[in-house]
Amino acid sequence: MRAAWSKGTNGAIAVKDTDADSREVYANYDRRYNDGLELRNSSGNGTTVYSGMDTANYVKALQACVAINFAPDDCTSWAGDH
């Protein structure tokens, strides 16, 4: 299970690992001026990692994913203006 979110001014995103399954979680995201960014969380179950804060270059879309070895990654639909 994975969770990714941005709230408030959408200046940063967070990626949380919610399962003890030894799989890395990550988020693909787009900012106002940059597309195709990625934030990985390889710290394990119950941990959350955050991107840098940039309210001028706000997050406009994101997608949460679980990395699966030797298979397509399991990703949510894009949220926002992708």
Protein backbone atom coordinates (compact mmCIF):
# COMPACT_ATOMS: atom_id res chain seq x y z
CA MET A 1 0.00 0.00 0.00
CA ARG A 2 1.19 3.49 -0.73
CA ALA A 3 -0.01 7.02 -0.23
CA ALA A 4 1.11 10.24 -1.87
CA TRP A 5 -0.33 13.67 -1.29
CA SER A 6 0.11 17.39 -1.61
CA LYS A 7 -1.99 19.89 0.28
CA GLY A 8 -2.24 23.51 1.26
CA THR A 9 -0.20 25.55 -1.20
CA ASN A 10 0.87 22.38 -3.06
CA GLY A 11 4.48 23.41 -2.59
CA ALA A 12 5.62 19.88 -1.63
CA ILE A 13 4.50 16.25 -1.82
CA ALA A 14 4.78 13.37 0.62
CA VAL A 15 5.09 9.61 0.02
CA LYS A 16 4.18 7.18 2.81
CA ASP A 17 4.83 3.43 2.93
CA THR A 18 1.90 1.78 4.71
CA ASP A 19 2.69 -1.96 4.29
CA ALA A 20 5.42 -4.21 5.67
CA ASP A 21 5.92 -5.91 2.31
CA SER A 22 9.57 -4.93 1.58
CA ARG A 23 8.52 -3.00 -1.52
CA GLU A 24 9.65 0.51 -2.25
CA VAL A 25 6.99 3.15 -2.84
CA TYR A 26 7.29 6.33 -4.86
CA ALA A 27 5.37 9.15 -6.47
CA ASN A 28 5.60 10.51 -9.98
CA TYR A 29 4.73 14.18 -10.03
CA ASP A 30 4.63 17.30 -12.15
CA ARG A 31 5.29 20.83 -10.99
CA ARG A 32 4.25 24.08 -12.64
CA TYR A 33 7.61 24.38 -14.44
CA ASN A 34 8.91 20.77 -14.32
CA ASP A 35 7.31 17.51 -15.48
CA GLY A 36 8.41 13.92 -14.93
CA LEU A 37 9.70 14.22 -11.36
CA GLU A 38 9.92 11.30 -8.92
CA LEU A 39 10.14 11.01 -5.13
CA ARG A 40 11.12 7.59 -3.72
CA ASN A 41 10.59 6.21 -0.23
CA SER A 42 12.81 3.21 0.46
CA SER A 43 12.82 3.71 4.24
CA GLY A 44 10.24 1.01 4.98
CA ASN A 45 6.84 0.51 6.55
CA GLY A 46 5.36 3.47 8.42
CA THR A 47 7.81 6.04 7.04
CA THR A 48 7.08 9.21 5.09
CA VAL A 49 9.44 11.21 2.87
CA TYR A 50 8.87 14.73 1.62
CA SER A 51 9.98 16.67 -1.43
CA GLY A 52 11.42 20.14 -1.17
CA MET A 53 9.00 23.04 -0.65
CA ASP A 54 8.50 25.40 -3.60
CA THR A 55 5.21 27.27 -3.62
CA ALA A 56 6.09 29.25 -6.77
CA ASN A 57 6.74 25.99 -8.67
CA TYR A 58 3.74 24.23 -7.15
CA VAL A 59 2.77 20.57 -7.61
CA LYS A 60 0.09 20.26 -10.29
CA ALA A 61 -0.29 16.46 -10.58
CA LEU A 62 0.85 13.30 -8.80
CA GLN A 63 0.59 9.51 -8.91
CA ALA A 64 1.46 7.01 -6.14
CA CYS A 65 3.23 3.75 -7.04
CA VAL A 66 4.60 0.53 -5.56
CA ALA A 67 7.82 -0.78 -7.14
CA ILE A 68 7.43 -4.44 -8.14
CA ASN A 69 10.53 -6.32 -9.26
CA PHE A 70 10.40 -7.92 -12.71
CA ALA A 71 6.81 -6.72 -13.31
CA PRO A 72 5.01 -3.48 -14.09
CA ASP A 73 4.76 -1.19 -11.07
CA ASP A 74 1.35 -0.79 -9.43
CA CYS A 75 0.35 2.89 -9.76
CA THR A 76 -2.76 4.90 -9.02
CA SER A 77 -4.39 7.12 -11.60
CA TRP A 78 -2.95 10.61 -11.91
CA ALA A 79 -4.52 13.20 -9.62
CA GLY A 80 -4.47 16.79 -10.82
CA ASP A 81 -3.64 18.35 -14.18
CA HIS A 82 -1.27 15.86 -15.81
